Amino acid sequence: MAPDLTILFRTVNGLPGLVATQRGVTVTVAAFEVAEDRITRIWAVRNPEKLTPWRTGD
């Protein structure tokens, strides 16, 4: 795991998801579509411009 990386369970667009932060800055947001207890689709965003709404402390 990368140094200073924190991974938090969050709801992302109404789906179960993960938010990864490094040194207090959001670096990845992922959402998971689940059917019958299995992940069927994963959406991940790493583009810093698209992660602006996920800034820590907002």
PDB file of N, CA and C in Angstrom:
ATOM      1  N   MET A   1       0.842  -1.171   0.000  1.00  0.00           N
ATOM      2  CA  MET A   1       0.000   0.000   0.000  1.00  0.00           C
ATOM      3  C   MET A   1       0.893   1.242   0.000  1.00  0.00           C
ATOM      4  N   ALA A   2       0.423   2.277  -0.676  1.00  0.00           N
ATOM      5  CA  ALA A   2       1.184   3.527  -0.756  1.00  0.00           C
ATOM      6  C   ALA A   2       1.232   4.213   0.612  1.00  0.00           C
ATOM      7  N   PRO A   3       2.300   4.944   0.897  1.00  0.00           N
ATOM      8  CA  PRO A   3       2.385   5.646   2.171  1.00  0.00           C
ATOM      9  C   PRO A   3       1.286   6.698   2.290  1.00  0.00           C
ATOM     10  N   ASP A   4       0.784   6.849   3.496  1.00  0.00           N
ATOM     11  CA  ASP A   4      -0.246   7.852   3.789  1.00  0.00           C
ATOM     12  C   ASP A   4      -1.543   7.627   3.019  1.00  0.00           C
ATOM     13  N   LEU A   5      -1.812   6.419   2.537  1.00  0.00           N
ATOM     14  CA  LEU A   5      -3.038   6.125   1.802  1.00  0.00           C
ATOM     15  C   LEU A   5      -4.104   5.662   2.790  1.00  0.00           C
ATOM     16  N   THR A   6      -5.272   6.289   2.699  1.00  0.00           N
ATOM     17  CA  THR A   6      -6.414   5.918   3.527  1.00  0.00           C
ATOM     18  C   THR A   6      -7.558   5.549   2.598  1.00  0.00           C
ATOM     19  N   ILE A   7      -8.209   4.422   2.858  1.00  0.00           N
ATOM     20  CA  ILE A   7      -9.342   3.984   2.049  1.00  0.00           C
ATOM     21  C   ILE A   7     -10.565   3.929   2.951  1.00  0.00           C
ATOM     22  N   LEU A   8     -11.617   4.643   2.548  1.00  0.00           N
ATOM     23  CA  LEU A   8     -12.836   4.744   3.338  1.00  0.00           C
ATOM     24  C   LEU A   8     -14.013   4.167   2.562  1.00  0.00           C
ATOM     25  N   PHE A   9     -14.901   3.446   3.251  1.00  0.00           N
ATOM     26  CA  PHE A   9     -16.140   2.976   2.646  1.00  0.00           C
ATOM     27  C   PHE A   9     -17.107   4.149   2.632  1.00  0.00           C
ATOM     28  N   ARG A  10     -17.691   4.441   1.465  1.00  0.00           N
ATOM     29  CA  ARG A  10     -18.638   5.541   1.306  1.00  0.00           C
ATOM     30  C   ARG A  10     -19.712   5.141   0.303  1.00  0.00           C
ATOM     31  N   THR A  11     -20.835   5.841   0.329  1.00  0.00           N
ATOM     32  CA  THR A  11     -21.840   5.710  -0.716  1.00  0.00           C
ATOM     33  C   THR A  11     -21.437   6.657  -1.835  1.00  0.00           C
ATOM     34  N   VAL A  12     -21.368   6.135  -3.052  1.00  0.00           N
ATOM     35  CA  VAL A  12     -20.956   6.915  -4.216  1.00  0.00           C
ATOM     36  C   VAL A  12     -22.082   6.852  -5.244  1.00  0.00           C
ATOM     37  N   ASN A  13     -22.726   7.981  -5.475  1.00  0.00           N
ATOM     38  CA  ASN A  13     -23.859   8.032  -6.415  1.00  0.00           C
ATOM     39  C   ASN A  13     -24.893   6.959  -6.094  1.00  0.00           C
ATOM     40  N   GLY A  14     -25.160   6.755  -4.813  1.00  0.00           N
ATOM     41  CA  GLY A  14     -26.163   5.795  -4.376  1.00  0.00           C
ATOM     42  C   GLY A  14     -25.700   4.350  -4.351  1.00  0.00           C
ATOM     43  N   LEU A  15     -24.442   4.103  -4.675  1.00  0.00           N
ATOM     44  CA  LEU A  15     -23.908   2.739  -4.703  1.00  0.00           C
ATOM     45  C   LEU A  15     -22.836   2.577  -3.635  1.00  0.00           C
ATOM     46  N   PRO A  16     -22.582   1.346  -3.205  1.00  0.00           N
ATOM     47  CA  PRO A  16     -21.461   1.136  -2.293  1.00  0.00           C
ATOM     48  C   PRO A  16     -20.165   1.525  -2.992  1.00  0.00           C
ATOM     49  N   GLY A  17     -19.272   2.141  -2.250  1.00  0.00           N
ATOM     50  CA  GLY A  17     -18.044   2.579  -2.892  1.00  0.00           C
ATOM     51  C   GLY A  17     -16.888   2.757  -1.936  1.00  0.00           C
ATOM     52  N   LEU A  18     -15.780   3.186  -2.499  1.00  0.00           N
ATOM     53  CA  LEU A  18     -14.561   3.462  -1.749  1.00  0.00           C
ATOM     54  C   LEU A  18     -14.028   4.825  -2.163  1.00  0.00           C
ATOM     55  N   VAL A  19     -13.486   5.539  -1.188  1.00  0.00           N
ATOM     56  CA  VAL A  19     -12.803   6.799  -1.456  1.00  0.00           C
ATOM     57  C   VAL A  19     -11.387   6.650  -0.916  1.00  0.00           C
ATOM     58  N   ALA A  20     -10.406   6.839  -1.780  1.00  0.00           N
ATOM     59  CA  ALA A  20      -9.005   6.737  -1.377  1.00  0.00           C
ATOM     60  C   ALA A  20      -8.417   8.138  -1.281  1.00  0.00           C
ATOM     61  N   THR A  21      -7.780   8.409  -0.150  1.00  0.00           N
ATOM     62  CA  THR A  21      -7.111   9.692   0.029  1.00  0.00           C
ATOM     63  C   THR A  21      -5.645   9.445   0.336  1.00  0.00           C
ATOM     64  N   GLN A  22      -4.823  10.367  -0.119  1.00  0.00           N
ATOM     65  CA  GLN A  22      -3.392  10.305   0.165  1.00  0.00           C
ATOM     66  C   GLN A  22      -2.955  11.679   0.629  1.00  0.00           C
ATOM     67  N   ARG A  23      -2.408  11.716   1.827  1.00  0.00           N
ATOM     68  CA  ARG A  23      -2.001  12.972   2.457  1.00  0.00           C
ATOM     69  C   ARG A  23      -3.143  13.973   2.499  1.00  0.00           C
ATOM     70  N   GLY A  24      -4.363  13.474   2.758  1.00  0.00           N
ATOM     71  CA  GLY A  24      -5.531  14.331   2.889  1.00  0.00           C
ATOM     72  C   GLY A  24      -6.176  14.762   1.589  1.00  0.00           C
ATOM     73  N   VAL A  25      -5.688  14.273   0.450  1.00  0.00           N
ATOM     74  CA  VAL A  25      -6.233  14.634  -0.857  1.00  0.00           C
ATOM     75  C   VAL A  25      -6.891  13.400  -1.473  1.00  0.00           C
ATOM     76  N   THR A  26      -8.119  13.553  -1.949  1.00  0.00           N
ATOM     77  CA  THR A  26      -8.803  12.435  -2.594  1.00  0.00           C
ATOM     78  C   THR A  26      -8.117  12.126  -3.917  1.00  0.00           C
ATOM     79  N   VAL A  27      -7.705  10.861  -4.083  1.00  0.00           N
ATOM     80  CA  VAL A  27      -6.988  10.455  -5.296  1.00  0.00           C
ATOM     81  C   VAL A  27      -7.790   9.479  -6.159  1.00  0.00           C
ATOM     82  N   THR A  28      -8.769   8.794  -5.563  1.00  0.00           N
ATOM     83  CA  THR A  28      -9.593   7.843  -6.307  1.00  0.00           C
ATOM     84  C   THR A  28     -10.949   7.721  -5.645  1.00  0.00           C
ATOM     85  N   VAL A  29     -11.995   7.649  -6.467  1.00  0.00           N
ATOM     86  CA  VAL A  29     -13.342   7.334  -5.992  1.00  0.00           C
ATOM     87  C   VAL A  29     -13.838   6.183  -6.853  1.00  0.00           C
ATOM     88  N   ALA A  30     -14.351   5.149  -6.212  1.00  0.00           N
ATOM     89  CA  ALA A  30     -14.860   3.983  -6.941  1.00  0.00           C
ATOM     90  C   ALA A  30     -16.255   3.632  -6.448  1.00  0.00           C
ATOM     91  N   ALA A  31     -17.109   3.219  -7.370  1.00  0.00           N
ATOM     92  CA  ALA A  31     -18.464   2.767  -7.035  1.00  0.00           C
ATOM     93  C   ALA A  31     -18.638   1.357  -7.578  1.00  0.00           C
ATOM     94  N   PHE A  32     -19.449   0.562  -6.881  1.00  0.00           N
ATOM     95  CA  PHE A  32     -19.625  -0.842  -7.229  1.00  0.00           C
ATOM     96  C   PHE A  32     -21.098  -1.171  -7.424  1.00  0.00           C
ATOM     97  N   GLU A  33     -21.420  -1.744  -8.580  1.00  0.00           N
ATOM     98  CA  GLU A  33     -22.759  -2.272  -8.805  1.00  0.00           C
ATOM     99  C   GLU A  33     -22.740  -3.718  -8.328  1.00  0.00           C
ATOM    100  N   VAL A  34     -23.711  -4.072  -7.515  1.00  0.00           N
ATOM    101  CA  VAL A  34     -23.742  -5.410  -6.917  1.00  0.00           C
ATOM    102  C   VAL A  34     -25.062  -6.095  -7.273  1.00  0.00           C
ATOM    103  N   ALA A  35     -24.972  -7.344  -7.685  1.00  0.00           N
ATOM    104  CA  ALA A  35     -26.153  -8.159  -7.965  1.00  0.00           C
ATOM    105  C   ALA A  35     -25.896  -9.550  -7.401  1.00  0.00           C
ATOM    106  N   GLU A  36     -26.847 -10.043  -6.632  1.00  0.00           N
ATOM    107  CA  GLU A  36     -26.737 -11.370  -6.031  1.00  0.00           C
ATOM    108  C   GLU A  36     -25.420 -11.550  -5.287  1.00  0.00           C
ATOM    109  N   ASP A  37     -25.068 -10.576  -4.475  1.00  0.00           N
ATOM    110  CA  ASP A  37     -23.868 -10.609  -3.635  1.00  0.00           C
ATOM    111  C   ASP A  37     -22.561 -10.657  -4.415  1.00  0.00           C
ATOM    112  N   ARG A  38     -22.581 -10.211  -5.673  1.00  0.00           N
ATOM    113  CA  ARG A  38     -21.360 -10.173  -6.485  1.00  0.00           C
ATOM    114  C   ARG A  38     -21.219  -8.790  -7.116  1.00  0.00           C
ATOM    115  N   ILE A  39     -19.999  -8.329  -7.206  1.00  0.00           N
ATOM    116  CA  ILE A  39     -19.746  -7.078  -7.909  1.00  0.00           C
ATOM    117  C   ILE A  39     -19.857  -7.360  -9.398  1.00  0.00           C
ATOM    118  N   THR A  40     -20.753  -6.619 -10.072  1.00  0.00           N
ATOM    119  CA  THR A  40     -20.960  -6.830 -11.500  1.00  0.00           C
ATOM    120  C   THR A  40     -20.383  -5.702 -12.350  1.00  0.00           C
ATOM    121  N   ARG A  41     -20.114  -4.553 -11.725  1.00  0.00           N
ATOM    122  CA  ARG A  41     -19.555  -3.425 -12.464  1.00  0.00           C
ATOM    123  C   ARG A  41     -18.813  -2.518 -11.492  1.00  0.00           C
ATOM    124  N   ILE A  42     -17.707  -1.982 -11.949  1.00  0.00           N
ATOM    125  CA  ILE A  42     -16.913  -1.051 -11.143  1.00  0.00           C
ATOM    126  C   ILE A  42     -16.696   0.215 -11.946  1.00  0.00           C
ATOM    127  N   TRP A  43     -16.976   1.358 -11.315  1.00  0.00           N
ATOM    128  CA  TRP A  43     -16.659   2.658 -11.900  1.00  0.00           C
ATOM    129  C   TRP A  43     -15.589   3.282 -11.027  1.00  0.00           C
ATOM    130  N   ALA A  44     -14.532   3.786 -11.622  1.00  0.00           N
ATOM    131  CA  ALA A  44     -13.460   4.429 -10.854  1.00  0.00           C
ATOM    132  C   ALA A  44     -13.077   5.746 -11.523  1.00  0.00           C
ATOM    133  N   VAL A  45     -12.843   6.754 -10.689  1.00  0.00           N
ATOM    134  CA  VAL A  45     -12.429   8.066 -11.179  1.00  0.00           C
ATOM    135  C   VAL A  45     -11.118   8.422 -10.500  1.00  0.00           C
ATOM    136  N   ARG A  46     -10.126   8.808 -11.319  1.00  0.00           N
ATOM    137  CA  ARG A  46      -8.838   9.250 -10.790  1.00  0.00           C
ATOM    138  C   ARG A  46      -8.456  10.633 -11.312  1.00  0.00           C
ATOM    139  N   ASN A  47      -9.236  11.168 -12.243  1.00  0.00           N
ATOM    140  CA  ASN A  47      -8.970  12.478 -12.807  1.00  0.00           C
ATOM    141  C   ASN A  47      -9.140  13.543 -11.715  1.00  0.00           C
ATOM    142  N   PRO A  48      -8.087  14.267 -11.352  1.00  0.00           N
ATOM    143  CA  PRO A  48      -8.176  15.253 -10.267  1.00  0.00           C
ATOM    144  C   PRO A  48      -9.262  16.304 -10.484  1.00  0.00           C
ATOM    145  N   GLU A  49      -9.509  16.701 -11.727  1.00  0.00           N
ATOM    146  CA  GLU A  49     -10.548  17.699 -12.004  1.00  0.00           C
ATOM    147  C   GLU A  49     -11.940  17.160 -11.678  1.00  0.00           C
ATOM    148  N   LYS A  50     -12.172  15.880 -11.885  1.00  0.00           N
ATOM    149  CA  LYS A  50     -13.470  15.279 -11.597  1.00  0.00           C
ATOM    150  C   LYS A  50     -13.624  14.921 -10.121  1.00  0.00           C
ATOM    151  N   LEU A  51     -12.533  14.934  -9.373  1.00  0.00           N
ATOM    152  CA  LEU A  51     -12.589  14.588  -7.953  1.00  0.00           C
ATOM    153  C   LEU A  51     -12.791  15.818  -7.064  1.00  0.00           C
ATOM    154  N   THR A  52     -12.884  16.986  -7.643  1.00  0.00           N
ATOM    155  CA  THR A  52     -13.044  18.217  -6.860  1.00  0.00           C
ATOM    156  C   THR A  52     -14.167  18.131  -5.832  1.00  0.00           C
ATOM    157  N   PRO A  53     -15.363  17.587  -6.186  1.00  0.00           N
ATOM    158  CA  PRO A  53     -16.434  17.509  -5.174  1.00  0.00           C
ATOM    159  C   PRO A  53     -16.097  16.584  -3.992  1.00  0.00           C
ATOM    160  N   TRP A  54     -15.096  15.749  -4.128  1.00  0.00           N
ATOM    161  CA  TRP A  54     -14.745  14.793  -3.084  1.00  0.00           C
ATOM    162  C   TRP A  54     -13.586  15.271  -2.208  1.00  0.00           C
ATOM    163  N   ARG A  55     -13.195  16.523  -2.337  1.00  0.00           N
ATOM    164  CA  ARG A  55     -12.088  17.038  -1.525  1.00  0.00           C
ATOM    165  C   ARG A  55     -12.360  16.790  -0.042  1.00  0.00           C
ATOM    166  N   THR A  56     -11.351  16.420   0.680  1.00  0.00           N
ATOM    167  CA  THR A  56     -11.483  16.163   2.107  1.00  0.00           C
ATOM    168  C   THR A  56     -11.828  17.459   2.826  1.00  0.00           C
ATOM    169  N   GLY A  57     -12.753  17.352   3.768  1.00  0.00           N
ATOM    170  CA  GLY A  57     -13.126  18.505   4.560  1.00  0.00           C
ATOM    171  C   GLY A  57     -14.258  19.304   3.985  1.00  0.00           C
ATOM    172  N   ASP A  58     -14.734  18.961   2.777  1.00  0.00           N
ATOM    173  CA  ASP A  58     -15.862  19.688   2.192  1.00  0.00           C
ATOM    174  C   ASP A  58     -17.160  19.075   2.615  1.00  0.00           C
TER     175      ASP A  58
END
